[in-house]
């Protein structure tokens, strides 16, 4: 770590600042009123359904990540065509990406009713709650990504027994594997979430409006709650 440039430390410092602001915005959002008892009830149903979906998705993703990590471990320790840090970098990328998704989902489901209630008071209040709540996800993604990359650079720079361009090549390929893990988790979240919400949307339209005669976006329709 002695040969780490001084300018490098701006990166982990920036990540901590981003995470600090994310925490501040989250706490500020949680201090806002969630509205009437009916709004709180509907928001609780949405939150419960969203977290149930997320738990189920993460169970499947965990199995996939373990299989891929074992494959990378075979390439690294069995065939010797990858460096031994690759499986761990892949797992941490997926872990941090999944953590960001969890924080984002938790923030969104807590912010929805609060934003609606704030908007009923004034447009300015509604926008403040909405933008600050949305900023939590963006700041967490950037903050966790920069923090993980910074830690990996320090670890690899310290332990890899190589010099010059060869050392930088090993560090770069390992950190790219971290990006692969993060992208794999994000792919599951995007595809799975899209399928889930589209299925709920179709269910709300066909079963709710056509069969049961419940108006669109009516909270009595469970599929509408799931879609939200």
C-alpha atoms as a PDB file:
ATOM      1  CA  UNK A   1       0.000   0.000   0.000  1.00  0.00           C
ATOM      2  CA  UNK A   2       3.018   2.252   0.305  1.00  0.00           C
ATOM      3  CA  UNK A   3       3.107   2.836  -3.467  1.00  0.00           C
ATOM      4  CA  UNK A   4      -0.597   3.731  -3.662  1.00  0.00           C
ATOM      5  CA  UNK A   5      -0.915   7.257  -5.124  1.00  0.00           C
ATOM      6  CA  UNK A   6      -2.322   9.861  -2.784  1.00  0.00           C
ATOM      7  CA  UNK A   7      -4.993  10.789  -5.329  1.00  0.00           C
ATOM      8  CA  UNK A   8      -6.341   7.220  -5.094  1.00  0.00           C
ATOM      9  CA  UNK A   9      -7.807   7.902  -1.647  1.00  0.00           C
ATOM     10  CA  UNK A  10     -10.266  10.373  -3.190  1.00  0.00           C
ATOM     11  CA  UNK A  11     -12.176   7.367  -4.555  1.00  0.00           C
ATOM     12  CA  UNK A  12     -12.968   5.551  -1.264  1.00  0.00           C
ATOM     13  CA  UNK A  13     -13.565   8.914   0.397  1.00  0.00           C
ATOM     14  CA  UNK A  14     -16.090   9.799  -2.313  1.00  0.00           C
ATOM     15  CA  UNK A  15     -17.814   6.441  -1.824  1.00  0.00           C
ATOM     16  CA  UNK A  16     -18.200   7.090   1.907  1.00  0.00           C
ATOM     17  CA  UNK A  17     -19.586  10.565   1.192  1.00  0.00           C
ATOM     18  CA  UNK A  18     -22.118   9.065  -1.240  1.00  0.00           C
ATOM     19  CA  UNK A  19     -23.208   6.440   1.284  1.00  0.00           C
ATOM     20  CA  UNK A  20     -23.440   9.102   3.973  1.00  0.00           C
ATOM     21  CA  UNK A  21     -25.746  11.242   1.851  1.00  0.00           C
ATOM     22  CA  UNK A  22     -27.825   8.156   0.982  1.00  0.00           C
ATOM     23  CA  UNK A  23     -28.303   7.448   4.691  1.00  0.00           C
ATOM     24  CA  UNK A  24     -29.182  11.090   5.352  1.00  0.00           C
ATOM     25  CA  UNK A  25     -31.792  11.163   2.567  1.00  0.00           C
ATOM     26  CA  UNK A  26     -33.277   7.857   3.737  1.00  0.00           C
ATOM     27  CA  UNK A  27     -33.622   9.060   7.319  1.00  0.00           C
ATOM     28  CA  UNK A  28     -35.148  12.350   6.122  1.00  0.00           C
ATOM     29  CA  UNK A  29     -37.700  10.419   4.057  1.00  0.00           C
ATOM     30  CA  UNK A  30     -38.592   8.142   6.985  1.00  0.00           C
ATOM     31  CA  UNK A  31     -39.354  11.174   9.146  1.00  0.00           C
ATOM     32  CA  UNK A  32     -42.091  12.246   6.708  1.00  0.00           C
ATOM     33  CA  UNK A  33     -45.687  11.256   7.349  1.00  0.00           C
ATOM     34  CA  UNK A  34     -47.039   8.218   5.511  1.00  0.00           C
ATOM     35  CA  UNK A  35     -50.527   9.723   5.376  1.00  0.00           C
ATOM     36  CA  UNK A  36     -53.851   8.331   6.478  1.00  0.00           C
ATOM     37  CA  UNK A  37     -54.429   4.905   8.018  1.00  0.00           C
ATOM     38  CA  UNK A  38     -55.707   3.636   4.662  1.00  0.00           C
ATOM     39  CA  UNK A  39     -52.556   4.853   2.901  1.00  0.00           C
ATOM     40  CA  UNK A  40     -50.425   3.153   5.544  1.00  0.00           C
ATOM     41  CA  UNK A  41     -52.372  -0.086   5.115  1.00  0.00           C
ATOM     42  CA  UNK A  42     -51.954  -0.127   1.327  1.00  0.00           C
ATOM     43  CA  UNK A  43     -48.269   0.807   1.585  1.00  0.00           C
ATOM     44  CA  UNK A  44     -47.721  -2.044   4.053  1.00  0.00           C
ATOM     45  CA  UNK A  45     -49.294  -4.530   1.629  1.00  0.00           C
ATOM     46  CA  UNK A  46     -47.094  -3.259  -1.211  1.00  0.00           C
ATOM     47  CA  UNK A  47     -44.006  -3.444   0.997  1.00  0.00           C
ATOM     48  CA  UNK A  48     -44.827  -6.965   2.159  1.00  0.00           C
ATOM     49  CA  UNK A  49     -45.345  -8.210  -1.395  1.00  0.00           C
ATOM     50  CA  UNK A  50     -42.208  -6.516  -2.705  1.00  0.00           C
ATOM     51  CA  UNK A  51     -39.978  -7.993  -0.026  1.00  0.00           C
ATOM     52  CA  UNK A  52     -41.524 -11.452  -0.490  1.00  0.00           C
ATOM     53  CA  UNK A  53     -40.690 -11.259  -4.187  1.00  0.00           C
ATOM     54  CA  UNK A  54     -37.171 -10.051  -3.454  1.00  0.00           C
ATOM     55  CA  UNK A  55     -36.521 -12.903  -1.010  1.00  0.00           C
ATOM     56  CA  UNK A  56     -37.671 -15.455  -3.565  1.00  0.00           C
ATOM     57  CA  UNK A  57     -35.539 -13.914  -6.295  1.00  0.00           C
ATOM     58  CA  UNK A  58     -32.444 -13.822  -4.101  1.00  0.00           C
ATOM     59  CA  UNK A  59     -32.865 -17.522  -3.285  1.00  0.00           C
ATOM     60  CA  UNK A  60     -32.657 -18.378  -6.991  1.00  0.00           C
ATOM     61  CA  UNK A  61     -29.824 -15.902  -7.604  1.00  0.00           C
ATOM     62  CA  UNK A  62     -27.812 -17.378  -4.713  1.00  0.00           C
ATOM     63  CA  UNK A  63     -27.900 -20.844  -6.306  1.00  0.00           C
ATOM     64  CA  UNK A  64     -26.812 -19.436  -9.679  1.00  0.00           C
ATOM     65  CA  UNK A  65     -23.966 -17.475  -8.103  1.00  0.00           C
ATOM     66  CA  UNK A  66     -22.688 -20.483  -6.185  1.00  0.00           C
ATOM     67  CA  UNK A  67     -22.620 -22.555  -9.387  1.00  0.00           C
ATOM     68  CA  UNK A  68     -20.769 -19.827 -11.286  1.00  0.00           C
ATOM     69  CA  UNK A  69     -18.360 -19.265  -8.392  1.00  0.00           C
ATOM     70  CA  UNK A  70     -17.543 -22.981  -8.335  1.00  0.00           C
ATOM     71  CA  UNK A  71     -16.930 -22.824 -12.073  1.00  0.00           C
ATOM     72  CA  UNK A  72     -14.537 -19.887 -11.648  1.00  0.00           C
ATOM     73  CA  UNK A  73     -12.859 -21.718  -8.764  1.00  0.00           C
ATOM     74  CA  UNK A  74     -12.311 -24.727 -11.045  1.00  0.00           C
ATOM     75  CA  UNK A  75     -10.760 -22.456 -13.680  1.00  0.00           C
ATOM     76  CA  UNK A  76      -8.540 -20.829 -11.066  1.00  0.00           C
ATOM     77  CA  UNK A  77      -7.506 -23.724  -8.816  1.00  0.00           C
ATOM     78  CA  UNK A  78      -8.097 -26.705 -11.089  1.00  0.00           C
ATOM     79  CA  UNK A  79      -6.963 -25.575 -14.530  1.00  0.00           C
ATOM     80  CA  UNK A  80      -4.880 -22.597 -13.412  1.00  0.00           C
ATOM     81  CA  UNK A  81      -6.163 -20.339 -16.199  1.00  0.00           C
ATOM     82  CA  UNK A  82      -7.502 -17.689 -13.817  1.00  0.00           C
ATOM     83  CA  UNK A  83      -5.927 -16.055 -10.801  1.00  0.00           C
ATOM     84  CA  UNK A  84      -7.161 -17.292  -7.391  1.00  0.00           C
ATOM     85  CA  UNK A  85      -8.919 -14.022  -6.557  1.00  0.00           C
ATOM     86  CA  UNK A  86     -11.453 -14.250  -9.385  1.00  0.00           C
ATOM     87  CA  UNK A  87     -14.169 -16.362  -7.640  1.00  0.00           C
ATOM     88  CA  UNK A  88     -14.166 -14.071  -4.602  1.00  0.00           C
ATOM     89  CA  UNK A  89     -14.305 -10.913  -6.705  1.00  0.00           C
ATOM     90  CA  UNK A  90     -17.281 -12.345  -8.605  1.00  0.00           C
ATOM     91  CA  UNK A  91     -19.135 -13.119  -5.376  1.00  0.00           C
ATOM     92  CA  UNK A  92     -18.511  -9.717  -3.817  1.00  0.00           C
ATOM     93  CA  UNK A  93     -19.742  -8.000  -6.974  1.00  0.00           C
ATOM     94  CA  UNK A  94     -23.013  -9.911  -6.786  1.00  0.00           C
ATOM     95  CA  UNK A  95     -23.276  -9.345  -3.035  1.00  0.00           C
ATOM     96  CA  UNK A  96     -22.864  -5.578  -3.272  1.00  0.00           C
ATOM     97  CA  UNK A  97     -25.228  -5.385  -6.247  1.00  0.00           C
ATOM     98  CA  UNK A  98     -27.836  -7.400  -4.369  1.00  0.00           C
ATOM     99  CA  UNK A  99     -27.383  -5.202  -1.303  1.00  0.00           C
ATOM    100  CA  UNK A 100     -27.961  -2.108  -3.430  1.00  0.00           C
ATOM    101  CA  UNK A 101     -31.129  -3.683  -4.841  1.00  0.00           C
ATOM    102  CA  UNK A 102     -32.412  -4.495  -1.369  1.00  0.00           C
ATOM    103  CA  UNK A 103     -31.786  -0.958  -0.127  1.00  0.00           C
ATOM    104  CA  UNK A 104     -33.416   0.487  -3.239  1.00  0.00           C
ATOM    105  CA  UNK A 105     -36.514  -1.701  -2.889  1.00  0.00           C
ATOM    106  CA  UNK A 106     -36.811  -0.925   0.815  1.00  0.00           C
ATOM    107  CA  UNK A 107     -36.482   2.807   0.159  1.00  0.00           C
ATOM    108  CA  UNK A 108     -38.986   2.812  -2.697  1.00  0.00           C
ATOM    109  CA  UNK A 109     -41.663   0.921  -0.767  1.00  0.00           C
ATOM    110  CA  UNK A 110     -41.303   3.243   2.210  1.00  0.00           C
ATOM    111  CA  UNK A 111     -41.241   6.365   0.044  1.00  0.00           C
ATOM    112  CA  UNK A 112     -44.311   5.768  -2.143  1.00  0.00           C
ATOM    113  CA  UNK A 113     -47.023   6.643   0.385  1.00  0.00           C
ATOM    114  CA  UNK A 114     -44.901   9.401   1.882  1.00  0.00           C
ATOM    115  CA  UNK A 115     -44.463  10.975  -1.548  1.00  0.00           C
ATOM    116  CA  UNK A 116     -48.203  10.764  -2.238  1.00  0.00           C
ATOM    117  CA  UNK A 117     -49.022  12.345   1.107  1.00  0.00           C
ATOM    118  CA  UNK A 118     -46.410  15.088   0.643  1.00  0.00           C
ATOM    119  CA  UNK A 119     -47.757  15.834  -2.847  1.00  0.00           C
ATOM    120  CA  UNK A 120     -51.234  16.299  -1.353  1.00  0.00           C
ATOM    121  CA  UNK A 121     -49.782  19.099   0.780  1.00  0.00           C
ATOM    122  CA  UNK A 122     -47.847  20.846  -1.994  1.00  0.00           C
ATOM    123  CA  UNK A 123     -46.038  20.058  -5.241  1.00  0.00           C
ATOM    124  CA  UNK A 124     -42.731  21.198  -3.754  1.00  0.00           C
ATOM    125  CA  UNK A 125     -42.984  18.836  -0.790  1.00  0.00           C
ATOM    126  CA  UNK A 126     -43.897  15.921  -3.031  1.00  0.00           C
ATOM    127  CA  UNK A 127     -40.953  16.556  -5.348  1.00  0.00           C
ATOM    128  CA  UNK A 128     -38.532  16.890  -2.438  1.00  0.00           C
ATOM    129  CA  UNK A 129     -39.540  13.528  -0.988  1.00  0.00           C
ATOM    130  CA  UNK A 130     -39.570  11.860  -4.401  1.00  0.00           C
ATOM    131  CA  UNK A 131     -36.197  13.152  -5.629  1.00  0.00           C
ATOM    132  CA  UNK A 132     -34.392  12.547  -2.346  1.00  0.00           C
ATOM    133  CA  UNK A 133     -35.816   9.038  -2.063  1.00  0.00           C
ATOM    134  CA  UNK A 134     -34.813   8.278  -5.642  1.00  0.00           C
ATOM    135  CA  UNK A 135     -31.338   9.634  -4.984  1.00  0.00           C
ATOM    136  CA  UNK A 136     -30.819   6.987  -2.297  1.00  0.00           C
ATOM    137  CA  UNK A 137     -30.615   4.191  -4.869  1.00  0.00           C
ATOM    138  CA  UNK A 138     -28.274   6.118  -7.166  1.00  0.00           C
ATOM    139  CA  UNK A 139     -25.941   7.092  -4.337  1.00  0.00           C
ATOM    140  CA  UNK A 140     -25.919   3.571  -2.890  1.00  0.00           C
ATOM    141  CA  UNK A 141     -25.066   1.976  -6.259  1.00  0.00           C
ATOM    142  CA  UNK A 142     -22.193   4.398  -6.858  1.00  0.00           C
ATOM    143  CA  UNK A 143     -21.020   4.353  -3.241  1.00  0.00           C
ATOM    144  CA  UNK A 144     -20.959   0.568  -2.861  1.00  0.00           C
ATOM    145  CA  UNK A 145     -19.389   0.093  -6.295  1.00  0.00           C
ATOM    146  CA  UNK A 146     -16.572   2.549  -5.639  1.00  0.00           C
ATOM    147  CA  UNK A 147     -16.007   1.175  -2.141  1.00  0.00           C
ATOM    148  CA  UNK A 148     -15.751  -2.425  -3.316  1.00  0.00           C
ATOM    149  CA  UNK A 149     -13.428  -1.530  -6.200  1.00  0.00           C
ATOM    150  CA  UNK A 150     -11.229   0.513  -3.863  1.00  0.00           C
ATOM    151  CA  UNK A 151     -10.930  -2.318  -1.350  1.00  0.00           C
ATOM    152  CA  UNK A 152     -10.176  -4.839  -4.071  1.00  0.00           C
ATOM    153  CA  UNK A 153      -7.459  -2.621  -5.526  1.00  0.00           C
ATOM    154  CA  UNK A 154      -5.787  -2.295  -2.121  1.00  0.00           C
ATOM    155  CA  UNK A 155      -5.986  -6.042  -1.467  1.00  0.00           C
ATOM    156  CA  UNK A 156      -4.716  -7.069  -4.887  1.00  0.00           C
ATOM    157  CA  UNK A 157      -2.011  -4.413  -4.943  1.00  0.00           C
ATOM    158  CA  UNK A 158      -0.730  -5.736  -1.633  1.00  0.00           C
ATOM    159  CA  UNK A 159      -0.903  -9.498  -2.194  1.00  0.00           C
ATOM    160  CA  UNK A 160      -0.219 -10.041  -5.915  1.00  0.00           C
ATOM    161  CA  UNK A 161       3.399 -11.056  -6.411  1.00  0.00           C
ATOM    162  CA  UNK A 162       4.112  -9.312  -9.701  1.00  0.00           C
ATOM    163  CA  UNK A 163       5.437  -6.010 -10.959  1.00  0.00           C
ATOM    164  CA  UNK A 164       4.756  -3.434 -13.617  1.00  0.00           C
ATOM    165  CA  UNK A 165       2.262  -4.038 -16.384  1.00  0.00           C
ATOM    166  CA  UNK A 166       1.749  -7.697 -15.445  1.00  0.00           C
ATOM    167  CA  UNK A 167       0.553  -6.719 -11.980  1.00  0.00           C
ATOM    168  CA  UNK A 168      -1.800  -4.092 -13.383  1.00  0.00           C
ATOM    169  CA  UNK A 169      -3.169  -6.651 -15.863  1.00  0.00           C
ATOM    170  CA  UNK A 170      -3.951  -9.128 -13.067  1.00  0.00           C
ATOM    171  CA  UNK A 171      -5.597  -6.417 -10.977  1.00  0.00           C
ATOM    172  CA  UNK A 172      -7.661  -5.222 -13.933  1.00  0.00           C
ATOM    173  CA  UNK A 173      -8.930  -8.671 -14.944  1.00  0.00           C
ATOM    174  CA  UNK A 174      -9.866  -9.474 -11.356  1.00  0.00           C
ATOM    175  CA  UNK A 175     -11.757  -6.224 -10.936  1.00  0.00           C
ATOM    176  CA  UNK A 176     -13.551  -6.881 -14.226  1.00  0.00           C
ATOM    177  CA  UNK A 177     -14.796 -10.114 -12.654  1.00  0.00           C
ATOM    178  CA  UNK A 178     -16.245  -8.022  -9.845  1.00  0.00           C
ATOM    179  CA  UNK A 179     -18.129  -6.078 -12.513  1.00  0.00           C
ATOM    180  CA  UNK A 180     -19.358  -9.344 -14.011  1.00  0.00           C
ATOM    181  CA  UNK A 181     -20.830 -10.370 -10.668  1.00  0.00           C
ATOM    182  CA  UNK A 182     -22.557  -7.025 -10.213  1.00  0.00           C
ATOM    183  CA  UNK A 183     -23.937  -7.103 -13.768  1.00  0.00           C
ATOM    184  CA  UNK A 184     -25.199 -10.683 -13.377  1.00  0.00           C
ATOM    185  CA  UNK A 185     -27.147  -9.740 -10.270  1.00  0.00           C
ATOM    186  CA  UNK A 186     -28.502  -6.625 -11.989  1.00  0.00           C
ATOM    187  CA  UNK A 187     -29.597  -8.731 -14.978  1.00  0.00           C
ATOM    188  CA  UNK A 188     -31.608 -11.047 -12.740  1.00  0.00           C
ATOM    189  CA  UNK A 189     -33.181  -8.066 -10.993  1.00  0.00           C
ATOM    190  CA  UNK A 190     -34.142  -6.369 -14.257  1.00  0.00           C
ATOM    191  CA  UNK A 191     -35.505  -9.449 -16.033  1.00  0.00           C
ATOM    192  CA  UNK A 192     -37.155 -10.942 -12.952  1.00  0.00           C
ATOM    193  CA  UNK A 193     -38.669  -7.638 -11.909  1.00  0.00           C
ATOM    194  CA  UNK A 194     -39.987  -6.996 -15.407  1.00  0.00           C
ATOM    195  CA  UNK A 195     -41.635 -10.413 -15.611  1.00  0.00           C
ATOM    196  CA  UNK A 196     -43.094 -10.038 -12.127  1.00  0.00           C
ATOM    197  CA  UNK A 197     -44.608  -6.593 -12.675  1.00  0.00           C
ATOM    198  CA  UNK A 198     -45.905  -7.416 -16.158  1.00  0.00           C
ATOM    199  CA  UNK A 199     -47.576 -10.576 -14.842  1.00  0.00           C
ATOM    200  CA  UNK A 200     -49.176  -8.542 -12.049  1.00  0.00           C
ATOM    201  CA  UNK A 201     -50.285  -5.895 -14.527  1.00  0.00           C
ATOM    202  CA  UNK A 202     -51.901  -8.450 -16.827  1.00  0.00           C
ATOM    203  CA  UNK A 203     -53.505 -10.190 -13.848  1.00  0.00           C
ATOM    204  CA  UNK A 204     -54.954  -6.917 -12.592  1.00  0.00           C
ATOM    205  CA  UNK A 205     -56.368  -6.102 -16.014  1.00  0.00           C
ATOM    206  CA  UNK A 206     -57.776  -9.520 -16.952  1.00  0.00           C
ATOM    207  CA  UNK A 207     -58.912 -10.927 -13.619  1.00  0.00           C
ATOM    208  CA  UNK A 208     -59.659  -7.667 -11.857  1.00  0.00           C
ATOM    209  CA  UNK A 209     -61.362  -5.603 -14.532  1.00  0.00           C
ATOM    210  CA  UNK A 210     -62.732  -8.330 -16.805  1.00  0.00           C
ATOM    211  CA  UNK A 211     -63.750 -11.120 -14.432  1.00  0.00           C
ATOM    212  CA  UNK A 212     -64.283  -9.432 -11.060  1.00  0.00           C
ATOM    213  CA  UNK A 213     -65.360  -6.034 -12.357  1.00  0.00           C
ATOM    214  CA  UNK A 214     -62.955  -4.165 -10.073  1.00  0.00           C
ATOM    215  CA  UNK A 215     -61.811  -0.796 -11.484  1.00  0.00           C
ATOM    216  CA  UNK A 216     -58.233  -0.374 -12.637  1.00  0.00           C
ATOM    217  CA  UNK A 217     -55.689   0.516  -9.913  1.00  0.00           C
ATOM    218  CA  UNK A 218     -58.201  -0.320  -7.181  1.00  0.00           C
ATOM    219  CA  UNK A 219     -56.362  -1.455  -4.009  1.00  0.00           C
ATOM    220  CA  UNK A 220     -58.961  -4.210  -3.470  1.00  0.00           C
ATOM    221  CA  UNK A 221     -57.315  -6.042  -6.371  1.00  0.00           C
ATOM    222  CA  UNK A 222     -54.285  -8.010  -5.052  1.00  0.00           C
ATOM    223  CA  UNK A 223     -52.658  -7.877  -8.488  1.00  0.00           C
ATOM    224  CA  UNK A 224     -52.744  -4.077  -8.360  1.00  0.00           C
ATOM    225  CA  UNK A 225     -50.924  -4.194  -5.021  1.00  0.00           C
ATOM    226  CA  UNK A 226     -48.334  -6.536  -6.559  1.00  0.00           C
ATOM    227  CA  UNK A 227     -47.956  -4.311  -9.610  1.00  0.00           C
ATOM    228  CA  UNK A 228     -47.237  -1.306  -7.390  1.00  0.00           C
END
